[in-house]
Amino acid sequence: MILRRYLGQIIPLFYALWSVVLPGFAQYGSGASSNTGIFPWPQGKRAALSLTFDDARPSQIDAGLPLFERQRARVTFYVSPRNLFQRLPQWRQAVLAGHEIGNHSLTHPCTGNFDFSRTNALEDYTLGRISKDIEEADTILFTQLGVQTSGFAYPCGQTFVGEGALVKSYVPIIARRFRSGRLWLSEDANNPMRCDLAQLLGVEMDGKSFGDLRPMLDHAIRRGYWLVLAGHEIGGTGRQTTSTNTLNALCEYAANPTNGLWLDTVDAIARHIIENRPKLHSK
């Protein structure tokens, strides 16, 4: 009798605790997803990979373009016009080679917490000002490279203007103007069935070896996801630098058909997702 009364008190408590704990295990568990095998990637592919680079840094031309030509890989460059003119003829060659040119804003505004952007702080911007900054960058890219950009990378990965109670997101501006927008310093790959194309997760590859990145690649393959990697300089070592060894290994891994990886530009993969996934919300 005492045991029955004791169990009658303990069992409901156990179920109550389990209902709280279980969602946590689902969120931070193995990462297995019911999406795997559902999204229709191109034939023979199980996941997607994009290599992206910011700021139009000269090393992207000097070290990157020859590497990608050897590997027959197409990548995405989010170009800052202030650096464009340092290698303008070569950037025109990049366009002819099939690489994607994306918008990275005209003046690269970031939070005023950073010393380099203290006089160009997002906290001091309005939606109108950020929209004009982006539009002017697009005009230069069209005039100088002949491209109509379809993608945008948020400078510093930050998506706001203003501060405090007056903060506003400029993601809707990007969603209306571009097919895709890429974040920075994200933690995971993108679920093609659910990702917001205006806020694609972008994972840092600067300073990473192929061994550092492979677990995330394989995790994306198992789930059928799209991994977007983001870097800056291309070369050996140094601050904000993606190693040429890492890039060669990534391209070779993607080229191996047994891995089932589709390596292509952000816009090519974004187009495929738009054309092949069902509407997320019915009207």
C-alpha atoms as a PDB file:
ATOM      1  CA  MET A   1       0.000   0.000   0.000  1.00  0.00           C
ATOM      2  CA  ILE A   2       2.787   2.419   0.924  1.00  0.00           C
ATOM      3  CA  LEU A   3       4.718   1.442  -2.236  1.00  0.00           C
ATOM      4  CA  ARG A   4       1.671   2.064  -4.429  1.00  0.00           C
ATOM      5  CA  ARG A   5       1.146   5.521  -2.874  1.00  0.00           C
ATOM      6  CA  TYR A   6       4.850   6.308  -3.349  1.00  0.00           C
ATOM      7  CA  LEU A   7       4.798   5.265  -7.017  1.00  0.00           C
ATOM      8  CA  GLY A   8       1.641   7.263  -7.560  1.00  0.00           C
ATOM      9  CA  GLN A   9       3.532  10.376  -6.507  1.00  0.00           C
ATOM     10  CA  ILE A  10       6.815   9.631  -8.299  1.00  0.00           C
ATOM     11  CA  ILE A  11       5.554   8.554 -11.736  1.00  0.00           C
ATOM     12  CA  PRO A  12       3.677  11.793 -12.572  1.00  0.00           C
ATOM     13  CA  LEU A  13       6.727  13.757 -11.441  1.00  0.00           C
ATOM     14  CA  PHE A  14       8.952  11.627 -13.698  1.00  0.00           C
ATOM     15  CA  TYR A  15       6.761  12.291 -16.721  1.00  0.00           C
ATOM     16  CA  ALA A  16       6.681  16.017 -15.981  1.00  0.00           C
ATOM     17  CA  LEU A  17      10.469  16.180 -15.800  1.00  0.00           C
ATOM     18  CA  TRP A  18      10.848  14.087 -18.967  1.00  0.00           C
ATOM     19  CA  SER A  19       8.594  16.434 -20.923  1.00  0.00           C
ATOM     20  CA  VAL A  20      10.972  19.261 -20.072  1.00  0.00           C
ATOM     21  CA  VAL A  21      14.220  17.365 -20.689  1.00  0.00           C
ATOM     22  CA  LEU A  22      13.239  15.617 -23.930  1.00  0.00           C
ATOM     23  CA  PRO A  23      13.074  18.741 -26.136  1.00  0.00           C
ATOM     24  CA  GLY A  24      16.572  19.613 -25.004  1.00  0.00           C
ATOM     25  CA  PHE A  25      17.865  16.248 -26.156  1.00  0.00           C
ATOM     26  CA  ALA A  26      16.107  16.739 -29.476  1.00  0.00           C
ATOM     27  CA  GLN A  27      17.683  20.148 -29.949  1.00  0.00           C
ATOM     28  CA  TYR A  28      21.235  19.314 -28.966  1.00  0.00           C
ATOM     29  CA  GLY A  29      21.384  15.615 -29.766  1.00  0.00           C
ATOM     30  CA  SER A  30      22.919  13.765 -32.703  1.00  0.00           C
ATOM     31  CA  GLY A  31      21.530  16.107 -35.324  1.00  0.00           C
ATOM     32  CA  ALA A  32      19.741  13.342 -37.187  1.00  0.00           C
ATOM     33  CA  SER A  33      16.983  14.832 -39.306  1.00  0.00           C
ATOM     34  CA  SER A  34      13.881  13.528 -41.026  1.00  0.00           C
ATOM     35  CA  ASN A  35      14.873  15.851 -43.894  1.00  0.00           C
ATOM     36  CA  THR A  36      17.658  13.497 -45.025  1.00  0.00           C
ATOM     37  CA  GLY A  37      16.787  12.015 -48.382  1.00  0.00           C
ATOM     38  CA  ILE A  38      13.726  14.214 -48.845  1.00  0.00           C
ATOM     39  CA  PHE A  39      15.108  17.295 -50.559  1.00  0.00           C
ATOM     40  CA  PRO A  40      15.755  16.651 -54.266  1.00  0.00           C
ATOM     41  CA  TRP A  41      19.373  17.612 -54.848  1.00  0.00           C
ATOM     42  CA  PRO A  42      20.675  17.085 -58.410  1.00  0.00           C
ATOM     43  CA  GLN A  43      21.117  13.457 -59.412  1.00  0.00           C
ATOM     44  CA  GLY A  44      23.820  11.700 -57.455  1.00  0.00           C
ATOM     45  CA  LYS A  45      24.148  14.497 -54.882  1.00  0.00           C
ATOM     46  CA  ARG A  46      23.176  14.259 -51.237  1.00  0.00           C
ATOM     47  CA  ALA A  47      24.191  17.718 -49.967  1.00  0.00           C
ATOM     48  CA  ALA A  48      25.558  21.042 -51.151  1.00  0.00           C
ATOM     49  CA  LEU A  49      28.625  23.166 -50.445  1.00  0.00           C
ATOM     50  CA  SER A  50      29.398  26.792 -51.286  1.00  0.00           C
ATOM     51  CA  LEU A  51      32.725  28.545 -50.798  1.00  0.00           C
ATOM     52  CA  THR A  52      32.313  32.288 -50.264  1.00  0.00           C
ATOM     53  CA  PHE A  53      34.764  35.136 -49.781  1.00  0.00           C
ATOM     54  CA  ASP A  54      34.260  38.707 -48.598  1.00  0.00           C
ATOM     55  CA  ASP A  55      35.682  42.156 -49.373  1.00  0.00           C
ATOM     56  CA  ALA A  56      37.316  41.580 -52.798  1.00  0.00           C
ATOM     57  CA  ARG A  57      40.718  41.171 -51.201  1.00  0.00           C
ATOM     58  CA  PRO A  58      43.615  41.013 -53.703  1.00  0.00           C
ATOM     59  CA  SER A  59      44.680  37.550 -52.504  1.00  0.00           C
ATOM     60  CA  GLN A  60      41.356  36.194 -53.737  1.00  0.00           C
ATOM     61  CA  ILE A  61      42.488  37.136 -57.234  1.00  0.00           C
ATOM     62  CA  ASP A  62      46.182  36.314 -56.892  1.00  0.00           C
ATOM     63  CA  ALA A  63      45.920  33.009 -55.019  1.00  0.00           C
ATOM     64  CA  GLY A  64      42.248  32.083 -55.324  1.00  0.00           C
ATOM     65  CA  LEU A  65      41.411  32.297 -59.015  1.00  0.00           C
ATOM     66  CA  PRO A  66      44.277  30.054 -60.214  1.00  0.00           C
ATOM     67  CA  LEU A  67      43.366  27.500 -57.546  1.00  0.00           C
ATOM     68  CA  PHE A  68      39.688  27.439 -58.495  1.00  0.00           C
ATOM     69  CA  GLU A  69      40.585  27.179 -62.189  1.00  0.00           C
ATOM     70  CA  ARG A  70      42.749  24.127 -61.491  1.00  0.00           C
ATOM     71  CA  GLN A  71      40.001  22.583 -59.386  1.00  0.00           C
ATOM     72  CA  ARG A  72      37.237  23.544 -61.841  1.00  0.00           C
ATOM     73  CA  ALA A  73      35.294  25.040 -58.963  1.00  0.00           C
ATOM     74  CA  ARG A  74      32.889  27.971 -59.001  1.00  0.00           C
ATOM     75  CA  VAL A  75      32.705  30.116 -55.877  1.00  0.00           C
ATOM     76  CA  THR A  76      30.990  33.286 -54.645  1.00  0.00           C
ATOM     77  CA  PHE A  77      32.803  36.566 -54.048  1.00  0.00           C
ATOM     78  CA  TYR A  78      30.996  39.267 -52.057  1.00  0.00           C
ATOM     79  CA  VAL A  79      32.737  42.318 -53.418  1.00  0.00           C
ATOM     80  CA  SER A  80      33.417  45.606 -51.661  1.00  0.00           C
ATOM     81  CA  PRO A  81      33.762  48.313 -54.349  1.00  0.00           C
ATOM     82  CA  ARG A  82      36.567  50.051 -52.453  1.00  0.00           C
ATOM     83  CA  ASN A  83      38.822  47.041 -53.167  1.00  0.00           C
ATOM     84  CA  LEU A  84      37.423  46.261 -56.600  1.00  0.00           C
ATOM     85  CA  PHE A  85      39.614  48.722 -58.483  1.00  0.00           C
ATOM     86  CA  GLN A  86      42.861  47.224 -57.188  1.00  0.00           C
ATOM     87  CA  ARG A  87      42.349  44.230 -59.506  1.00  0.00           C
ATOM     88  CA  LEU A  88      39.555  45.363 -61.821  1.00  0.00           C
ATOM     89  CA  PRO A  89      40.664  43.497 -65.004  1.00  0.00           C
ATOM     90  CA  GLN A  90      41.063  40.284 -62.995  1.00  0.00           C
ATOM     91  CA  TRP A  91      37.640  40.657 -61.396  1.00  0.00           C
ATOM     92  CA  ARG A  92      36.194  40.899 -64.886  1.00  0.00           C
ATOM     93  CA  GLN A  93      37.958  37.629 -65.677  1.00  0.00           C
ATOM     94  CA  ALA A  94      36.411  36.106 -62.544  1.00  0.00           C
ATOM     95  CA  VAL A  95      32.970  36.924 -63.911  1.00  0.00           C
ATOM     96  CA  LEU A  96      33.825  35.332 -67.267  1.00  0.00           C
ATOM     97  CA  ALA A  97      35.052  32.222 -65.415  1.00  0.00           C
ATOM     98  CA  GLY A  98      31.568  31.708 -63.954  1.00  0.00           C
ATOM     99  CA  HIS A  99      32.172  32.840 -60.388  1.00  0.00           C
ATOM    100  CA  GLU A 100      29.346  34.666 -58.654  1.00  0.00           C
ATOM    101  CA  ILE A 101      29.793  38.312 -57.698  1.00  0.00           C
ATOM    102  CA  GLY A 102      27.680  39.380 -54.717  1.00  0.00           C
ATOM    103  CA  ASN A 103      27.033  42.691 -52.979  1.00  0.00           C
ATOM    104  CA  HIS A 104      28.848  43.394 -49.698  1.00  0.00           C
ATOM    105  CA  SER A 105      27.660  47.028 -49.346  1.00  0.00           C
ATOM    106  CA  LEU A 106      29.456  50.202 -50.415  1.00  0.00           C
ATOM    107  CA  THR A 107      31.042  51.299 -47.127  1.00  0.00           C
ATOM    108  CA  HIS A 108      30.954  48.085 -45.051  1.00  0.00           C
ATOM    109  CA  PRO A 109      29.111  49.480 -41.987  1.00  0.00           C
ATOM    110  CA  CYS A 110      29.359  47.459 -38.774  1.00  0.00           C
ATOM    111  CA  THR A 111      28.655  48.081 -35.122  1.00  0.00           C
ATOM    112  CA  GLY A 112      30.399  51.081 -33.621  1.00  0.00           C
ATOM    113  CA  ASN A 113      31.815  48.750 -30.982  1.00  0.00           C
ATOM    114  CA  PHE A 114      34.525  47.988 -33.547  1.00  0.00           C
ATOM    115  CA  ASP A 115      37.205  50.656 -33.835  1.00  0.00           C
ATOM    116  CA  PHE A 116      37.335  50.449 -37.638  1.00  0.00           C
ATOM    117  CA  SER A 117      33.624  51.240 -38.000  1.00  0.00           C
ATOM    118  CA  ARG A 118      33.189  53.753 -35.210  1.00  0.00           C
ATOM    119  CA  THR A 119      32.580  56.566 -37.723  1.00  0.00           C
ATOM    120  CA  ASN A 120      30.436  54.315 -39.927  1.00  0.00           C
ATOM    121  CA  ALA A 121      28.383  52.557 -37.277  1.00  0.00           C
ATOM    122  CA  LEU A 122      25.179  50.655 -37.946  1.00  0.00           C
ATOM    123  CA  GLU A 123      23.813  52.192 -34.760  1.00  0.00           C
ATOM    124  CA  ASP A 124      23.809  55.535 -36.608  1.00  0.00           C
ATOM    125  CA  TYR A 125      22.120  54.198 -39.749  1.00  0.00           C
ATOM    126  CA  THR A 126      18.472  54.272 -40.805  1.00  0.00           C
ATOM    127  CA  LEU A 127      16.790  51.805 -43.133  1.00  0.00           C
ATOM    128  CA  GLY A 128      16.885  54.462 -45.832  1.00  0.00           C
ATOM    129  CA  ARG A 129      20.613  55.000 -45.429  1.00  0.00           C
ATOM    130  CA  ILE A 130      21.519  51.305 -45.513  1.00  0.00           C
ATOM    131  CA  SER A 131      19.304  50.801 -48.539  1.00  0.00           C
ATOM    132  CA  LYS A 132      21.087  53.628 -50.378  1.00  0.00           C
ATOM    133  CA  ASP A 133      24.502  52.217 -49.425  1.00  0.00           C
ATOM    134  CA  ILE A 134      23.573  48.824 -50.883  1.00  0.00           C
ATOM    135  CA  GLU A 135      22.038  50.341 -54.007  1.00  0.00           C
ATOM    136  CA  GLU A 136      25.162  52.398 -54.731  1.00  0.00           C
ATOM    137  CA  ALA A 137      27.333  49.306 -54.417  1.00  0.00           C
ATOM    138  CA  ASP A 138      25.118  47.490 -56.898  1.00  0.00           C
ATOM    139  CA  THR A 139      25.418  50.363 -59.342  1.00  0.00           C
ATOM    140  CA  ILE A 140      29.227  50.197 -59.258  1.00  0.00           C
ATOM    141  CA  LEU A 141      29.257  46.414 -59.678  1.00  0.00           C
ATOM    142  CA  PHE A 142      26.933  46.645 -62.659  1.00  0.00           C
ATOM    143  CA  THR A 143      28.861  49.501 -64.250  1.00  0.00           C
ATOM    144  CA  GLN A 144      32.310  47.984 -63.738  1.00  0.00           C
ATOM    145  CA  LEU A 145      31.629  44.246 -64.028  1.00  0.00           C
ATOM    146  CA  GLY A 146      28.360  44.102 -65.946  1.00  0.00           C
ATOM    147  CA  VAL A 147      26.682  41.945 -63.317  1.00  0.00           C
ATOM    148  CA  GLN A 148      23.290  42.292 -61.700  1.00  0.00           C
ATOM    149  CA  THR A 149      23.907  40.882 -58.248  1.00  0.00           C
ATOM    150  CA  SER A 150      21.587  38.244 -56.805  1.00  0.00           C
ATOM    151  CA  GLY A 151      23.269  37.771 -53.425  1.00  0.00           C
ATOM    152  CA  PHE A 152      24.336  39.857 -50.448  1.00  0.00           C
ATOM    153  CA  ALA A 153      26.658  39.222 -47.502  1.00  0.00           C
ATOM    154  CA  TYR A 154      25.914  41.203 -44.350  1.00  0.00           C
ATOM    155  CA  PRO A 155      29.050  43.127 -43.287  1.00  0.00           C
ATOM    156  CA  CYS A 156      30.264  41.564 -40.030  1.00  0.00           C
ATOM    157  CA  GLY A 157      27.192  39.342 -40.239  1.00  0.00           C
ATOM    158  CA  GLN A 158      25.095  42.080 -38.598  1.00  0.00           C
ATOM    159  CA  THR A 159      21.529  42.630 -39.755  1.00  0.00           C
ATOM    160  CA  PHE A 160      20.371  45.720 -37.829  1.00  0.00           C
ATOM    161  CA  VAL A 161      20.358  49.511 -37.926  1.00  0.00           C
ATOM    162  CA  GLY A 162      19.793  51.843 -34.981  1.00  0.00           C
ATOM    163  CA  GLU A 163      20.167  50.994 -31.313  1.00  0.00           C
ATOM    164  CA  GLY A 164      18.156  50.164 -28.228  1.00  0.00           C
ATOM    165  CA  ALA A 165      14.408  50.493 -28.576  1.00  0.00           C
ATOM    166  CA  LEU A 166      14.904  51.948 -32.070  1.00  0.00           C
ATOM    167  CA  VAL A 167      16.757  48.950 -33.541  1.00  0.00           C
ATOM    168  CA  LYS A 168      15.354  47.730 -36.858  1.00  0.00           C
ATOM    169  CA  SER A 169      16.256  44.760 -39.012  1.00  0.00           C
ATOM    170  CA  TYR A 170      17.304  45.389 -42.581  1.00  0.00           C
ATOM    171  CA  VAL A 171      16.772  41.736 -43.518  1.00  0.00           C
ATOM    172  CA  PRO A 172      13.484  42.638 -45.300  1.00  0.00           C
ATOM    173  CA  ILE A 173      15.436  45.013 -47.562  1.00  0.00           C
ATOM    174  CA  ILE A 174      17.770  42.181 -48.512  1.00  0.00           C
ATOM    175  CA  ALA A 175      14.885  39.734 -48.992  1.00  0.00           C
ATOM    176  CA  ARG A 176      13.157  42.105 -51.403  1.00  0.00           C
ATOM    177  CA  ARG A 177      16.280  43.037 -53.362  1.00  0.00           C
ATOM    178  CA  PHE A 178      18.285  39.797 -53.520  1.00  0.00           C
ATOM    179  CA  ARG A 179      17.714  36.090 -53.958  1.00  0.00           C
ATOM    180  CA  SER A 180      19.943  35.349 -50.965  1.00  0.00           C
ATOM    181  CA  GLY A 181      21.670  36.974 -47.998  1.00  0.00           C
ATOM    182  CA  ARG A 182      24.547  35.363 -46.094  1.00  0.00           C
ATOM    183  CA  LEU A 183      25.375  35.735 -42.416  1.00  0.00           C
ATOM    184  CA  TRP A 184      28.783  35.281 -40.765  1.00  0.00           C
ATOM    185  CA  LEU A 185      30.166  33.268 -37.840  1.00  0.00           C
ATOM    186  CA  SER A 186      27.212  30.884 -37.874  1.00  0.00           C
ATOM    187  CA  GLU A 187      27.255  27.454 -36.277  1.00  0.00           C
ATOM    188  CA  ASP A 188      25.637  25.040 -38.701  1.00  0.00           C
ATOM    189  CA  ALA A 189      24.684  24.160 -42.253  1.00  0.00           C
ATOM    190  CA  ASN A 190      21.396  25.186 -43.871  1.00  0.00           C
ATOM    191  CA  ASN A 191      18.348  22.955 -44.061  1.00  0.00           C
ATOM    192  CA  PRO A 192      17.164  23.348 -47.674  1.00  0.00           C
ATOM    193  CA  MET A 193      13.589  22.637 -46.661  1.00  0.00           C
ATOM    194  CA  ARG A 194      13.471  25.378 -44.047  1.00  0.00           C
ATOM    195  CA  CYS A 195      16.341  27.879 -44.304  1.00  0.00           C
ATOM    196  CA  ASP A 196      15.568  31.550 -44.776  1.00  0.00           C
ATOM    197  CA  LEU A 197      17.420  32.412 -47.980  1.00  0.00           C
ATOM    198  CA  ALA A 198      17.691  36.011 -46.806  1.00  0.00           C
ATOM    199  CA  GLN A 199      19.620  34.849 -43.711  1.00  0.00           C
ATOM    200  CA  LEU A 200      21.755  31.915 -44.800  1.00  0.00           C
ATOM    201  CA  LEU A 201      24.056  30.548 -42.142  1.00  0.00           C
ATOM    202  CA  GLY A 202      27.684  31.200 -43.051  1.00  0.00           C
ATOM    203  CA  VAL A 203      30.386  29.222 -41.217  1.00  0.00           C
ATOM    204  CA  GLU A 204      33.910  30.631 -40.902  1.00  0.00           C
ATOM    205  CA  MET A 205      36.673  28.747 -42.722  1.00  0.00           C
ATOM    206  CA  ASP A 206      39.488  31.235 -42.058  1.00  0.00           C
ATOM    207  CA  GLY A 207      42.229  29.614 -40.006  1.00  0.00           C
ATOM    208  CA  LYS A 208      40.643  26.162 -40.338  1.00  0.00           C
ATOM    209  CA  SER A 209      42.244  22.990 -41.662  1.00  0.00           C
ATOM    210  CA  PHE A 210      40.323  20.506 -43.756  1.00  0.00           C
ATOM    211  CA  GLY A 211      40.344  18.258 -40.700  1.00  0.00           C
ATOM    212  CA  ASP A 212      38.587  20.995 -38.745  1.00  0.00           C
ATOM    213  CA  LEU A 213      35.870  21.335 -41.381  1.00  0.00           C
ATOM    214  CA  ARG A 214      35.343  17.735 -42.411  1.00  0.00           C
ATOM    215  CA  PRO A 215      33.077  16.766 -39.478  1.00  0.00           C
ATOM    216  CA  MET A 216      30.710  19.580 -40.428  1.00  0.00           C
ATOM    217  CA  LEU A 217      30.852  18.538 -44.086  1.00  0.00           C
ATOM    218  CA  ASP A 218      30.047  14.934 -43.261  1.00  0.00           C
ATOM    219  CA  HIS A 219      27.301  16.035 -40.889  1.00  0.00           C
ATOM    220  CA  ALA A 220      25.738  18.066 -43.722  1.00  0.00           C
ATOM    221  CA  ILE A 221      25.956  15.063 -46.046  1.00  0.00           C
ATOM    222  CA  ARG A 222      24.200  12.819 -43.537  1.00  0.00           C
ATOM    223  CA  ARG A 223      21.366  15.320 -43.142  1.00  0.00           C
ATOM    224  CA  GLY A 224      21.134  16.430 -46.761  1.00  0.00           C
ATOM    225  CA  TYR A 225      21.971  20.048 -45.867  1.00  0.00           C
ATOM    226  CA  TRP A 226      23.783  22.950 -47.549  1.00  0.00           C
ATOM    227  CA  LEU A 227      27.024  24.097 -45.936  1.00  0.00           C
ATOM    228  CA  VAL A 228      28.065  27.660 -46.752  1.00  0.00           C
ATOM    229  CA  LEU A 229      31.674  28.403 -45.789  1.00  0.00           C
ATOM    230  CA  ALA A 230      32.955  31.974 -45.548  1.00  0.00           C
ATOM    231  CA  GLY A 231      36.474  33.391 -45.693  1.00  0.00           C
ATOM    232  CA  HIS A 232      38.538  36.458 -46.499  1.00  0.00           C
ATOM    233  CA  GLU A 233      42.197  36.274 -47.499  1.00  0.00           C
ATOM    234  CA  ILE A 234      43.441  33.232 -49.422  1.00  0.00           C
ATOM    235  CA  GLY A 235      46.974  32.010 -48.800  1.00  0.00           C
ATOM    236  CA  GLY A 236      48.996  30.406 -46.047  1.00  0.00           C
ATOM    237  CA  THR A 237      48.536  31.586 -42.498  1.00  0.00           C
ATOM    238  CA  GLY A 238      47.550  34.849 -40.922  1.00  0.00           C
ATOM    239  CA  ARG A 239      44.546  36.728 -39.634  1.00  0.00           C
ATOM    240  CA  GLN A 240      41.328  36.116 -41.570  1.00  0.00           C
ATOM    241  CA  THR A 241      43.092  33.792 -44.015  1.00  0.00           C
ATOM    242  CA  THR A 242      41.801  30.601 -45.575  1.00  0.00           C
ATOM    243  CA  SER A 243      44.611  28.214 -46.379  1.00  0.00           C
ATOM    244  CA  THR A 244      45.131  27.137 -49.978  1.00  0.00           C
ATOM    245  CA  ASN A 245      45.708  23.623 -48.615  1.00  0.00           C
ATOM    246  CA  THR A 246      42.270  23.702 -47.023  1.00  0.00           C
ATOM    247  CA  LEU A 247      40.643  24.947 -50.223  1.00  0.00           C
ATOM    248  CA  ASN A 248      42.360  22.311 -52.349  1.00  0.00           C
ATOM    249  CA  ALA A 249      41.209  19.600 -49.964  1.00  0.00           C
ATOM    250  CA  LEU A 250      37.631  20.913 -49.917  1.00  0.00           C
ATOM    251  CA  CYS A 251      37.466  21.019 -53.713  1.00  0.00           C
ATOM    252  CA  GLU A 252      38.935  17.521 -54.037  1.00  0.00           C
ATOM    253  CA  TYR A 253      36.530  16.153 -51.434  1.00  0.00           C
ATOM    254  CA  ALA A 254      33.577  17.664 -53.288  1.00  0.00           C
ATOM    255  CA  ALA A 255      34.861  16.342 -56.629  1.00  0.00           C
ATOM    256  CA  ASN A 256      34.845  12.753 -55.334  1.00  0.00           C
ATOM    257  CA  PRO A 257      31.437  11.412 -56.460  1.00  0.00           C
ATOM    258  CA  THR A 258      31.252   8.960 -53.569  1.00  0.00           C
ATOM    259  CA  ASN A 259      30.821  11.893 -51.166  1.00  0.00           C
ATOM    260  CA  GLY A 260      27.700  13.170 -52.929  1.00  0.00           C
ATOM    261  CA  LEU A 261      28.578  16.858 -52.547  1.00  0.00           C
ATOM    262  CA  TRP A 262      27.411  19.531 -54.978  1.00  0.00           C
ATOM    263  CA  LEU A 263      29.954  22.380 -54.932  1.00  0.00           C
ATOM    264  CA  ASP A 264      28.606  25.514 -56.581  1.00  0.00           C
ATOM    265  CA  THR A 265      27.905  29.207 -56.107  1.00  0.00           C
ATOM    266  CA  VAL A 266      25.401  30.432 -53.566  1.00  0.00           C
ATOM    267  CA  ASP A 267      23.080  31.678 -56.284  1.00  0.00           C
ATOM    268  CA  ALA A 268      23.099  28.408 -58.242  1.00  0.00           C
ATOM    269  CA  ILE A 269      22.132  26.462 -55.125  1.00  0.00           C
ATOM    270  CA  ALA A 270      19.619  29.079 -53.961  1.00  0.00           C
ATOM    271  CA  ARG A 271      17.894  28.880 -57.346  1.00  0.00           C
ATOM    272  CA  HIS A 272      17.707  25.112 -57.092  1.00  0.00           C
ATOM    273  CA  ILE A 273      16.184  25.321 -53.617  1.00  0.00           C
ATOM    274  CA  ILE A 274      13.584  27.854 -54.721  1.00  0.00           C
ATOM    275  CA  GLU A 275      12.584  25.678 -57.657  1.00  0.00           C
ATOM    276  CA  ASN A 276      12.463  22.389 -55.761  1.00  0.00           C
ATOM    277  CA  ARG A 277      11.128  22.913 -52.264  1.00  0.00           C
ATOM    278  CA  PRO A 278       7.434  23.275 -51.466  1.00  0.00           C
ATOM    279  CA  LYS A 279       6.026  26.502 -50.186  1.00  0.00           C
ATOM    280  CA  LEU A 280       6.669  26.774 -46.465  1.00  0.00           C
ATOM    281  CA  HIS A 281       3.451  28.585 -45.703  1.00  0.00           C
ATOM    282  CA  SER A 282       0.185  28.291 -47.560  1.00  0.00           C
ATOM    283  CA  LYS A 283      -1.803  31.478 -48.011  1.00  0.00           C
END
